[in-house]
Protein backbone atom coordinates (compact mmCIF):
# COMPACT_ATOMS: atom_id res chain seq x y z
CA MET A 1 46.89 138.77 114.43
CA GLU A 2 47.43 136.20 116.66
CA ARG A 3 44.09 134.86 115.48
CA LEU A 4 44.45 135.28 112.40
CA TYR A 5 47.76 133.31 111.96
CA SER A 6 45.74 130.60 114.04
CA VAL A 7 43.21 129.83 111.21
CA PHE A 8 45.11 131.40 108.07
CA PRO A 9 47.69 128.43 107.33
CA TRP A 10 51.14 129.60 106.96
CA ARG A 11 54.65 127.63 107.42
CA GLU A 12 56.22 129.70 109.93
CA ASP A 13 56.87 126.91 112.97
CA PRO A 14 60.58 125.74 112.75
CA ASP A 15 59.83 122.92 114.82
CA THR A 16 57.94 121.66 112.37
CA THR A 17 59.14 119.73 109.52
CA GLU A 18 57.86 122.26 106.76
CA GLY A 19 58.30 125.18 108.75
CA PHE A 20 62.32 123.94 109.26
CA ARG A 21 62.38 123.63 105.48
CA ARG A 22 60.63 126.75 104.89
CA TYR A 23 63.92 127.99 106.86
CA GLN A 24 66.16 126.47 105.08
CA GLU A 25 65.06 127.70 102.07
CA THR A 26 65.50 131.22 103.41
CA VAL A 27 69.16 130.33 104.30
CA SER A 28 69.39 129.63 100.21
CA ALA A 29 68.15 132.28 99.54
CA PHE A 30 70.24 134.80 101.18
CA GLU A 31 73.20 132.68 100.04
CA ARG A 32 72.07 134.15 96.53
CA VAL A 33 71.35 137.53 98.33
CA ALA A 34 75.01 137.55 99.31
CA GLU A 35 76.27 136.98 95.95
CA HIS A 36 74.78 140.33 95.25
CA GLU A 37 77.35 143.18 94.29
CA TRP A 38 75.81 145.40 96.75
CA PHE A 39 75.91 143.46 99.35
CA ARG A 40 79.39 142.09 98.87
CA GLU A 41 80.56 145.64 98.69
CA PHE A 42 78.71 146.38 102.07
CA ILE A 43 79.59 143.31 104.45
CA SER A 44 83.29 143.95 102.79
CA GLY A 45 85.89 144.68 105.88
CA LYS A 46 82.91 144.81 108.25
CA ARG A 47 83.11 142.32 111.44
CA SER A 48 80.01 143.14 112.67
CA VAL A 49 75.97 143.78 111.79
CA ARG A 50 73.25 145.28 112.93
CA VAL A 51 70.26 143.56 111.78
CA ILE A 52 66.50 144.76 112.26
CA ASP A 53 64.05 141.62 111.42
CA LEU A 54 60.50 143.93 111.30
CA CYS A 55 57.29 141.72 110.58
CA SER A 56 59.66 138.75 111.73
CA GLY A 57 57.06 136.29 113.15
CA VAL A 58 58.96 133.50 114.62
CA GLY A 59 62.16 135.23 113.06
CA ILE A 60 63.06 132.82 109.86
CA GLY A 61 64.11 135.64 107.94
CA GLY A 62 66.33 137.13 110.51
CA ILE A 63 68.10 134.09 112.25
CA ALA A 64 68.59 132.69 108.46
CA LEU A 65 70.48 135.58 106.99
CA ALA A 66 72.54 135.61 110.52
CA LYS A 67 73.50 132.37 110.07
CA VAL A 68 74.55 133.10 106.12
CA LEU A 69 76.26 136.65 107.34
CA ALA A 70 78.16 134.16 110.30
CA SER A 71 79.63 131.68 107.67
CA LEU A 72 81.13 134.71 106.16
CA GLY A 73 83.13 135.30 109.44
CA ILE A 74 80.49 138.44 110.14
CA LYS A 75 79.10 138.47 114.19
CA VAL A 76 75.50 139.55 114.05
CA ASP A 77 73.48 141.98 116.75
CA LEU A 78 70.06 140.55 115.50
CA THR A 79 67.17 142.69 116.44
CA LEU A 80 63.38 140.91 115.48
CA VAL A 81 59.96 143.14 115.75
CA ASP A 82 56.22 141.99 115.53
CA LEU A 83 52.90 142.37 117.03
CA ARG A 84 53.05 138.54 118.50
CA ARG A 85 54.71 137.80 121.55
CA SER A 86 53.87 134.06 120.87
CA ALA A 87 55.95 134.16 117.50
CA LEU A 88 58.90 136.10 119.13
CA ASP A 89 58.72 133.48 122.26
CA LYS A 90 59.29 131.21 119.73
CA ALA A 91 62.22 133.22 117.47
CA ARG A 92 63.94 133.51 120.71
CA ARG A 93 64.24 130.01 121.13
CA PHE A 94 64.99 129.30 117.70
CA GLY A 95 67.45 131.79 117.41
CA LEU A 96 69.46 130.39 120.71
CA ARG A 97 69.31 126.98 118.60
CA GLU A 98 70.09 128.23 115.50
CA LEU A 99 72.88 130.47 116.17
CA GLY A 100 74.09 130.08 119.87
CA PHE A 101 72.49 133.04 121.32
CA GLU A 102 68.95 135.05 121.69
CA PRO A 103 68.50 137.84 119.35
CA ARG A 104 66.74 140.83 120.96
CA VAL A 105 63.05 141.17 120.90
CA ILE A 106 60.40 144.03 120.82
CA ILE A 107 56.36 143.82 120.08
CA HIS A 108 55.60 146.50 118.46
CA ASP A 109 53.27 147.87 115.10
CA VAL A 110 55.36 148.90 111.92
CA LEU A 111 53.02 151.24 111.10
CA GLU A 112 53.89 153.30 114.46
CA GLU A 113 56.44 155.07 114.65
CA MET A 114 59.39 153.16 115.60
CA ALA A 115 61.99 155.89 117.37
CA LEU A 116 64.45 153.01 118.59
CA GLY A 117 67.11 155.34 119.17
CA GLU A 118 69.76 153.53 117.78
CA LYS A 119 70.34 153.05 113.82
CA PHE A 120 70.72 149.19 112.15
CA ASP A 121 72.99 148.23 109.06
CA ILE A 122 70.37 146.13 107.67
CA ALA A 123 66.57 145.97 107.67
CA LEU A 124 64.82 143.19 106.59
CA ILE A 125 61.51 142.10 105.97
CA TRP A 126 60.67 138.29 105.65
CA GLY A 127 57.96 135.82 104.52
CA LEU A 128 56.43 137.73 101.58
CA THR A 129 54.61 139.98 104.66
CA THR A 130 54.10 142.91 102.24
CA PRO A 131 50.18 142.39 101.37
CA HIS A 132 49.33 143.27 104.84
CA PHE A 133 50.46 147.10 103.74
CA SER A 134 48.62 149.21 101.45
CA PRO A 135 50.12 151.77 99.59
CA TRP A 136 49.71 154.28 102.08
CA ASN A 137 50.62 151.89 104.80
CA TRP A 138 53.66 151.09 102.54
CA ILE A 139 55.13 154.70 103.05
CA LYS A 140 54.58 154.37 106.88
CA VAL A 141 57.09 150.98 106.67
CA LEU A 142 59.39 152.93 104.45
CA ILE A 143 59.94 155.71 106.78
CA ASN A 144 60.24 153.51 109.15
CA VAL A 145 63.24 151.48 107.75
CA TRP A 146 64.02 155.41 106.15
CA GLN A 147 65.18 156.22 109.99
CA LEU A 148 66.70 153.22 111.47
CA LEU A 149 69.18 152.69 108.97
CA THR A 150 72.68 154.34 108.68
CA ASP A 151 73.39 156.23 105.85
CA ASP A 152 74.93 153.52 103.92
CA GLY A 153 72.16 151.06 105.10
CA ILE A 154 70.40 148.59 102.76
CA PHE A 155 66.59 147.28 103.12
CA MET A 156 65.76 143.81 101.66
CA TYR A 157 62.12 142.35 101.61
CA GLU A 158 61.03 139.12 100.14
CA GLU A 159 58.66 140.59 97.25
CA SER A 160 56.57 138.53 94.40
CA ASP A 161 54.48 139.93 91.70
CA ARG A 162 50.91 138.56 92.57
CA ILE A 163 49.45 140.13 89.39
CA TYR A 164 51.24 138.00 87.07
CA ALA A 165 50.43 135.11 89.51
CA ILE A 166 46.88 135.91 90.17
CA GLN A 167 46.15 136.33 86.61
CA HIS A 168 48.86 134.09 84.64
CA VAL A 169 49.88 130.99 87.10
CA THR A 170 47.27 129.95 89.64
CA GLY A 171 43.84 132.83 89.32
CA TYR A 172 42.17 133.67 92.23
CA ARG A 173 38.82 133.10 93.05
CA GLU A 174 36.07 134.54 95.40
CA VAL A 175 36.49 131.55 97.09
CA ASN A 176 39.80 129.97 96.84
CA PRO A 177 41.45 127.07 98.47
CA GLU A 178 44.23 127.75 100.83
CA VAL A 179 44.88 124.39 102.15
CA VAL A 180 43.45 120.79 101.44
CA GLU A 181 44.17 118.00 103.46
CA LYS A 182 42.82 115.23 105.08
CA ASP A 183 42.64 116.97 108.65
CA ARG A 184 42.86 120.60 107.40
CA VAL A 185 40.61 122.57 104.81
CA VAL A 186 40.97 126.40 104.96
CA LEU A 187 39.37 128.59 102.36
CA THR A 188 40.01 132.42 101.76
CA ILE A 189 36.09 133.83 100.44
CA TYR A 190 35.83 137.63 99.21
CA LYS A 191 33.90 139.86 101.09
CA ASP A 192 34.48 143.70 99.87
CA ARG A 193 37.31 145.82 98.19
CA ASP A 194 37.94 149.50 100.13
CA PHE A 195 38.97 151.35 96.62
CA ARG A 196 40.72 154.54 98.49
CA SER A 197 43.01 152.32 100.46
CA GLY A 198 43.39 149.32 98.14
CA TYR A 199 42.29 146.28 100.48
CA GLU A 200 40.57 143.15 100.05
CA THR A 201 38.79 141.53 102.83
CA ARG A 202 38.48 137.91 102.62
CA LEU A 203 36.97 135.84 105.19
CA VAL A 204 39.59 132.94 106.66
CA LEU A 205 37.66 129.86 107.08
CA ASN A 206 38.84 126.12 108.75
CA LEU A 207 36.14 123.98 107.07
CA ILE A 208 37.30 121.38 110.09
CA THR A 209 37.00 123.61 112.91
CA ASN A 210 34.97 125.93 111.59
CA GLU A 211 37.15 129.09 112.68
CA ARG A 212 36.95 131.88 111.22
CA GLU A 213 38.54 135.04 111.09
CA GLU A 214 38.96 138.69 108.46
CA LEU A 215 41.92 139.16 106.60
CA LYS A 216 42.68 142.47 104.96
CA VAL A 217 45.25 142.06 102.04
CA TYR A 218 46.47 144.36 99.25
CA PHE A 219 48.08 142.34 96.29
CA TRP A 220 51.21 143.58 94.71
CA ASP A 221 53.02 143.45 91.97
CA LEU A 222 57.27 143.77 91.29
CA ALA A 223 57.39 146.96 90.01
CA SER A 224 54.71 148.49 92.59
CA SER A 225 56.84 148.03 95.94
CA ALA A 226 60.07 148.43 94.27
CA ALA A 227 59.05 151.78 92.86
CA PHE A 228 57.75 152.78 96.26
CA THR A 229 60.87 151.74 97.77
CA TRP A 230 63.01 153.49 95.30
CA ILE A 231 61.49 157.03 96.37
CA PHE A 232 63.14 156.87 99.78
CA PHE A 233 66.71 154.72 98.47
CA SER A 234 69.05 155.92 96.70
CA ASP A 235 69.00 152.41 93.97
CA VAL A 236 66.85 149.55 94.10
CA ASP A 237 67.52 145.97 92.18
CA PHE A 238 65.59 142.58 92.65
CA ILE A 239 67.61 139.09 93.04
CA SER A 240 65.29 136.25 92.09
CA THR A 241 65.13 133.18 93.63
CA ARG A 242 61.98 131.06 94.37
CA ARG A 243 61.17 131.51 91.02
CA PRO A 244 61.47 134.56 88.36
CA TYR A 245 59.29 136.55 89.81
CA THR A 246 59.69 135.84 93.56
CA GLY A 247 62.67 137.16 95.35
CA ALA A 248 64.69 139.54 97.28
CA VAL A 249 64.36 143.48 96.60
CA ILE A 250 67.48 145.09 97.79
CA ALA A 251 67.53 148.82 98.09
CA ARG A 252 70.67 151.05 99.56
CA ASN A 253 71.36 154.02 101.24
CA PRO A 254 68.63 155.59 102.47
CA ARG A 255 67.80 159.40 101.02
CA ARG A 256 69.00 161.89 103.19
CA VAL A 257 68.14 164.84 100.44
CA PHE A 258 64.90 164.43 98.72
CA ASP A 259 65.61 166.21 95.03
CA LEU A 260 62.77 165.26 92.92
CA ARG A 261 64.74 166.49 89.51
CA THR A 262 67.60 164.32 90.17
CA LEU A 263 64.88 161.68 91.25
CA PHE A 264 63.43 162.22 87.44
CA ARG A 265 66.90 162.04 85.87
CA GLN A 266 68.08 158.61 87.65
CA LYS A 267 67.56 154.85 86.48
CA PRO A 268 67.55 152.40 89.25
CA LEU A 269 69.45 149.48 88.76
CA ILE A 270 66.33 147.14 88.64
CA LEU A 271 65.29 148.77 85.37
CA SER A 272 68.41 148.09 83.48
CA LYS A 273 68.17 144.46 83.33
CA THR A 274 64.34 145.07 81.28
C-alpha cells in the first residue's frame, strides 16, 4: 500500500496546498452531514463521542469530523486505523495542529478481524475508499464496523456512483490518464478482471519516473454499497456533498438481530427520496 500511494496520485498530504484544500472541502462536507436529522438526533445532549476512522490515511476524514464536532461543543476521542505507518505518523502531527491533541493510531488491516475490546459511537471511512474492496471484502469491512459500534452507533462513508460517472460523465478507457502535469504524468492501464471476486487489475504507471504498481479496484455504484450496508444497519440514507452522485452514506443502529422477514418488509430512508 505504501508503494501504491507513492505512485498513484492522491491528494492526501495536508502539508501541501492541494492536500489542505481537500481537508477544507472535507470539513465543509461534514458541516453538511451534521445537518442530517439522524446526526442531529445522535449528538443531541452528548458531551463527548468516540470516533474510529478506518482506512484513515493521514486522517483527513476523522480530523475534519472531529473539527466539526468540536465546533458544536462536543469532545472527541479519535482513533485512526490504517496499514501505512508513514500516513499515521503524519496524521498524529496533523491532528495535533488542527485539534490540539494527537489522535490514537492503530496499524491494522480492516480486512482482518478487529477485536479491539471497546465500542465507538461513530465509525468512519472517508476518501472514496470503497473501490479498494470487492463485494466479498466489503462484507468483511461491514462486519468489523458492526462489531465496533455501540447499539445506537452511526457509520458514515464517502461514496460516489462510479457506474454513472464512467458511463455518462468521464468515461474510462483501457489506458486512462489520471494526472497530466508538466513534471508528472500518471496512467492506469487495464490488465485483467477476476470475474469471481469482481476486482479489475490496472497497472499504475508514472511515465516520468517509470515507477509502476498494480492496483486492484472494484467500481461501486452508490446503490450497491448502500444496499450491502443496509443489511447490517436498521436504516441507511445518502447526503450529497460535492455532486448529486457523490457524498456520504450514513447508516444507524447496527442490527443485533437479523430477521429476514422484517428486512423484506422494510424500506430504507435512502429509497424514500426516489
